Each structure stands twice: as structure tokens, then as C-alpha cells.
N, C-alpha and C. Protein backbone atom coordinates (compact mmCIF):
# COMPACT_ATOMS: atom_id res chain seq x y z
N MET A 1 0.83 -1.17 0.00
CA MET A 1 0.00 0.00 0.00
C MET A 1 0.88 1.24 0.00
N LYS A 2 0.43 2.20 -0.68
CA LYS A 2 1.18 3.44 -0.77
C LYS A 2 1.15 4.16 0.58
N GLY A 3 2.30 4.68 0.98
CA GLY A 3 2.38 5.40 2.24
C GLY A 3 2.73 4.54 3.44
N TYR A 4 2.77 3.24 3.26
CA TYR A 4 3.10 2.33 4.35
C TYR A 4 4.40 1.62 4.05
N SER A 5 5.17 1.35 5.08
CA SER A 5 6.38 0.56 4.90
C SER A 5 6.45 -0.48 6.00
N LYS A 6 7.17 -1.53 5.72
CA LYS A 6 7.32 -2.61 6.68
C LYS A 6 8.04 -2.10 7.93
N ALA A 7 7.58 -2.54 9.09
CA ALA A 7 8.23 -2.14 10.35
C ALA A 7 9.66 -2.66 10.36
N LYS A 8 10.56 -1.88 10.90
CA LYS A 8 11.95 -2.27 10.96
C LYS A 8 12.25 -2.94 12.28
N LYS A 9 13.10 -3.94 12.21
CA LYS A 9 13.52 -4.65 13.39
C LYS A 9 14.52 -3.78 14.14
N HIS A 10 14.28 -3.53 15.41
CA HIS A 10 15.13 -2.64 16.17
C HIS A 10 16.09 -3.37 17.10
N ILE A 11 15.74 -4.57 17.51
CA ILE A 11 16.61 -5.32 18.42
C ILE A 11 16.66 -6.78 18.01
N ASP A 12 17.73 -7.44 18.37
CA ASP A 12 17.82 -8.89 18.22
C ASP A 12 17.52 -9.51 19.56
N VAL A 13 16.75 -10.57 19.56
CA VAL A 13 16.37 -11.25 20.78
C VAL A 13 16.91 -12.67 20.72
N SER A 14 17.59 -13.08 21.78
CA SER A 14 18.10 -14.44 21.86
C SER A 14 16.97 -15.39 22.24
N VAL A 15 17.24 -16.67 22.13
CA VAL A 15 16.26 -17.68 22.53
C VAL A 15 15.91 -17.51 24.01
N GLY A 16 16.93 -17.34 24.84
CA GLY A 16 16.69 -17.15 26.27
C GLY A 16 15.87 -15.92 26.57
N GLU A 17 16.16 -14.84 25.85
CA GLU A 17 15.40 -13.61 26.04
C GLU A 17 13.95 -13.79 25.61
N SER A 18 13.72 -14.59 24.57
CA SER A 18 12.33 -14.81 24.13
C SER A 18 11.55 -15.57 25.19
N VAL A 19 12.19 -16.52 25.86
CA VAL A 19 11.52 -17.24 26.95
C VAL A 19 11.18 -16.26 28.07
N LYS A 20 12.15 -15.42 28.43
CA LYS A 20 11.93 -14.45 29.50
C LYS A 20 10.82 -13.46 29.14
N ILE A 21 10.83 -12.98 27.91
CA ILE A 21 9.79 -12.04 27.47
C ILE A 21 8.41 -12.67 27.56
N MET A 22 8.28 -13.90 27.07
CA MET A 22 6.98 -14.58 27.12
C MET A 22 6.55 -14.84 28.56
N ARG A 23 7.49 -15.21 29.42
CA ARG A 23 7.18 -15.45 30.83
C ARG A 23 6.71 -14.17 31.50
N GLU A 24 7.47 -13.09 31.31
CA GLU A 24 7.12 -11.82 31.95
C GLU A 24 5.84 -11.24 31.37
N TRP A 25 5.61 -11.43 30.09
CA TRP A 25 4.40 -10.95 29.45
C TRP A 25 3.16 -11.55 30.10
N GLN A 26 3.31 -12.78 30.59
CA GLN A 26 2.20 -13.46 31.26
C GLN A 26 2.25 -13.29 32.78
N ASP A 27 3.13 -12.40 33.22
CA ASP A 27 3.24 -12.06 34.63
C ASP A 27 3.54 -13.29 35.49
N LEU A 28 4.45 -14.13 35.01
CA LEU A 28 4.86 -15.33 35.74
C LEU A 28 6.27 -15.15 36.28
N SER A 29 6.51 -15.65 37.47
CA SER A 29 7.88 -15.71 37.99
C SER A 29 8.54 -16.97 37.43
N GLN A 30 9.84 -17.06 37.58
CA GLN A 30 10.52 -18.28 37.17
C GLN A 30 10.00 -19.48 37.97
N ASN A 31 9.73 -19.27 39.24
CA ASN A 31 9.20 -20.36 40.07
C ASN A 31 7.83 -20.81 39.60
N GLU A 32 6.98 -19.87 39.20
CA GLU A 32 5.65 -20.22 38.69
C GLU A 32 5.76 -20.98 37.38
N LEU A 33 6.65 -20.54 36.50
CA LEU A 33 6.85 -21.26 35.24
C LEU A 33 7.41 -22.65 35.50
N ALA A 34 8.28 -22.76 36.49
CA ALA A 34 8.83 -24.07 36.85
C ALA A 34 7.70 -25.02 37.30
N GLU A 35 6.77 -24.51 38.09
CA GLU A 35 5.63 -25.32 38.53
C GLU A 35 4.76 -25.74 37.36
N LEU A 36 4.50 -24.80 36.45
CA LEU A 36 3.65 -25.08 35.30
C LEU A 36 4.29 -26.07 34.32
N SER A 37 5.61 -25.99 34.19
CA SER A 37 6.29 -26.77 33.17
C SER A 37 6.96 -28.04 33.69
N GLY A 38 7.25 -28.08 34.99
CA GLY A 38 8.00 -29.21 35.53
C GLY A 38 9.50 -29.10 35.30
N ILE A 39 9.93 -27.97 34.74
CA ILE A 39 11.37 -27.72 34.52
C ILE A 39 11.87 -26.94 35.73
N PRO A 40 12.97 -27.37 36.34
CA PRO A 40 13.47 -26.69 37.53
C PRO A 40 13.73 -25.20 37.29
N GLN A 41 13.47 -24.38 38.30
CA GLN A 41 13.68 -22.94 38.21
C GLN A 41 15.11 -22.63 37.82
N SER A 42 16.07 -23.38 38.34
CA SER A 42 17.48 -23.12 38.01
C SER A 42 17.75 -23.33 36.52
N THR A 43 17.07 -24.29 35.92
CA THR A 43 17.23 -24.54 34.48
C THR A 43 16.57 -23.42 33.69
N ILE A 44 15.41 -22.96 34.13
CA ILE A 44 14.75 -21.84 33.45
C ILE A 44 15.65 -20.61 33.50
N SER A 45 16.25 -20.35 34.65
CA SER A 45 17.18 -19.22 34.77
C SER A 45 18.34 -19.37 33.80
N ALA A 46 18.91 -20.57 33.73
CA ALA A 46 20.04 -20.81 32.83
C ALA A 46 19.64 -20.64 31.37
N ILE A 47 18.43 -21.07 31.00
CA ILE A 47 17.92 -20.88 29.63
C ILE A 47 17.77 -19.40 29.33
N GLU A 48 17.14 -18.68 30.25
CA GLU A 48 16.90 -17.25 30.04
C GLU A 48 18.19 -16.45 29.93
N ASN A 49 19.24 -16.93 30.57
CA ASN A 49 20.54 -16.25 30.52
C ASN A 49 21.48 -16.86 29.49
N ASP A 50 20.91 -17.70 28.60
CA ASP A 50 21.64 -18.32 27.49
C ASP A 50 22.86 -19.12 27.95
N ARG A 51 22.76 -19.72 29.15
CA ARG A 51 23.82 -20.60 29.65
C ARG A 51 23.53 -22.05 29.31
N VAL A 52 22.27 -22.35 29.02
CA VAL A 52 21.83 -23.69 28.65
C VAL A 52 20.98 -23.58 27.40
N GLN A 53 21.21 -24.48 26.44
CA GLN A 53 20.40 -24.46 25.23
C GLN A 53 18.98 -24.91 25.53
N LEU A 54 18.03 -24.30 24.87
CA LEU A 54 16.62 -24.63 25.09
C LEU A 54 16.32 -26.04 24.63
N GLY A 55 16.67 -26.38 23.42
CA GLY A 55 16.38 -27.72 22.89
C GLY A 55 14.92 -27.88 22.51
N VAL A 56 14.66 -28.82 21.63
CA VAL A 56 13.32 -29.02 21.09
C VAL A 56 12.33 -29.48 22.15
N GLU A 57 12.70 -30.47 22.96
CA GLU A 57 11.76 -30.99 23.95
C GLU A 57 11.42 -29.95 25.02
N ARG A 58 12.42 -29.24 25.51
CA ARG A 58 12.15 -28.19 26.49
C ARG A 58 11.31 -27.08 25.87
N ALA A 59 11.57 -26.77 24.60
CA ALA A 59 10.78 -25.75 23.90
C ALA A 59 9.31 -26.14 23.86
N LYS A 60 9.03 -27.40 23.59
CA LYS A 60 7.65 -27.87 23.55
C LYS A 60 6.99 -27.75 24.92
N VAL A 61 7.72 -28.16 25.96
CA VAL A 61 7.17 -28.11 27.32
C VAL A 61 6.91 -26.66 27.75
N LEU A 62 7.89 -25.79 27.51
CA LEU A 62 7.72 -24.39 27.89
C LEU A 62 6.63 -23.72 27.05
N ALA A 63 6.54 -24.07 25.78
CA ALA A 63 5.50 -23.49 24.92
C ALA A 63 4.11 -23.86 25.43
N ARG A 64 3.94 -25.11 25.87
CA ARG A 64 2.65 -25.51 26.44
C ARG A 64 2.35 -24.68 27.69
N ALA A 65 3.34 -24.53 28.55
CA ALA A 65 3.15 -23.78 29.79
C ALA A 65 2.89 -22.29 29.52
N LEU A 66 3.49 -21.76 28.44
CA LEU A 66 3.36 -20.34 28.11
C LEU A 66 2.26 -20.07 27.08
N ASN A 67 1.55 -21.13 26.68
CA ASN A 67 0.46 -21.00 25.70
C ASN A 67 0.90 -20.31 24.42
N CYS A 68 2.01 -20.76 23.87
CA CYS A 68 2.48 -20.21 22.60
C CYS A 68 3.04 -21.35 21.75
N HIS A 69 3.33 -21.06 20.50
CA HIS A 69 3.93 -22.04 19.61
C HIS A 69 5.42 -22.13 19.93
N PRO A 70 6.00 -23.33 19.91
CA PRO A 70 7.44 -23.46 20.21
C PRO A 70 8.33 -22.59 19.32
N ALA A 71 7.90 -22.32 18.10
CA ALA A 71 8.70 -21.49 17.19
C ALA A 71 8.90 -20.08 17.74
N VAL A 72 7.94 -19.60 18.51
CA VAL A 72 8.07 -18.27 19.12
C VAL A 72 9.30 -18.24 20.02
N LEU A 73 9.56 -19.35 20.70
CA LEU A 73 10.70 -19.44 21.61
C LEU A 73 12.00 -19.77 20.88
N VAL A 74 11.93 -20.68 19.93
CA VAL A 74 13.13 -21.20 19.27
C VAL A 74 13.67 -20.27 18.18
N PHE A 75 12.77 -19.57 17.47
CA PHE A 75 13.18 -18.71 16.36
C PHE A 75 12.71 -17.27 16.58
N PRO A 76 13.18 -16.61 17.63
CA PRO A 76 12.67 -15.26 17.93
C PRO A 76 13.02 -14.22 16.88
N GLY A 77 14.11 -14.40 16.16
CA GLY A 77 14.52 -13.39 15.19
C GLY A 77 14.26 -13.78 13.75
N TRP A 78 13.42 -14.78 13.52
CA TRP A 78 13.19 -15.28 12.17
C TRP A 78 12.60 -14.20 11.28
N ASP A 79 13.22 -14.02 10.14
CA ASP A 79 12.74 -13.06 9.14
C ASP A 79 12.47 -13.83 7.86
N VAL A 80 11.22 -14.09 7.57
CA VAL A 80 10.84 -14.91 6.45
C VAL A 80 11.35 -14.35 5.11
N ASP A 81 11.52 -13.05 5.03
CA ASP A 81 11.96 -12.44 3.78
C ASP A 81 13.47 -12.61 3.53
N HIS A 82 14.24 -12.90 4.57
CA HIS A 82 15.68 -12.95 4.42
C HIS A 82 16.29 -14.30 4.73
N GLU A 83 15.55 -15.25 5.29
CA GLU A 83 16.09 -16.56 5.64
C GLU A 83 15.96 -17.50 4.45
N SER A 84 16.97 -18.32 4.25
CA SER A 84 16.91 -19.28 3.15
C SER A 84 16.11 -20.49 3.57
N ALA A 85 15.61 -21.21 2.60
CA ALA A 85 14.82 -22.41 2.87
C ALA A 85 15.69 -23.64 3.00
N ALA A 86 16.97 -23.50 2.84
CA ALA A 86 17.88 -24.65 2.85
C ALA A 86 18.06 -25.26 4.19
């Protein structure tokens, strides 16, 4: 449409930061997310601080607890226009 342009990406978000953003957006503490997911609070902290990789299975568990699609957590910076399909 004329007069409109695509929004520009202003920040890069890591996988850990995406977990933290989704948790905080739902007003959950790490302890509350640990209870909902069965993942220890210390592991959630390590994921959020990018000290431990999220992994597919943990992504699925956290996504269920956070009511979101796992891709939201695993691919926070995905840009469909610039990523290759390979």
C-alpha cells in the first residue's frame, strides 16, 4: 500500500530472552513457570541467561506452559523475507 512501509527490526532477541519475554508478558515468575512446566527454576534461569540451550523438547514443554507455539521461543529473530529455505 502506498504510504506504508514494513516495520523495521530494532533489536535482536536471543532464545533465552524470548523465553523471559513470554514469561514476563504473562506475569509469571521463574518459580511459577517451573511449577507449570516441571522444569526446575534453576534450568529456566540458565535458559533465560543463554547458559543452557533450550532444545526441542524443552521448547515444547515451555511453549505448552506459556500458551504459545514453540517457534516463538526457538526462532525469535526469524525473518521470512531474508532466511533461506535450505
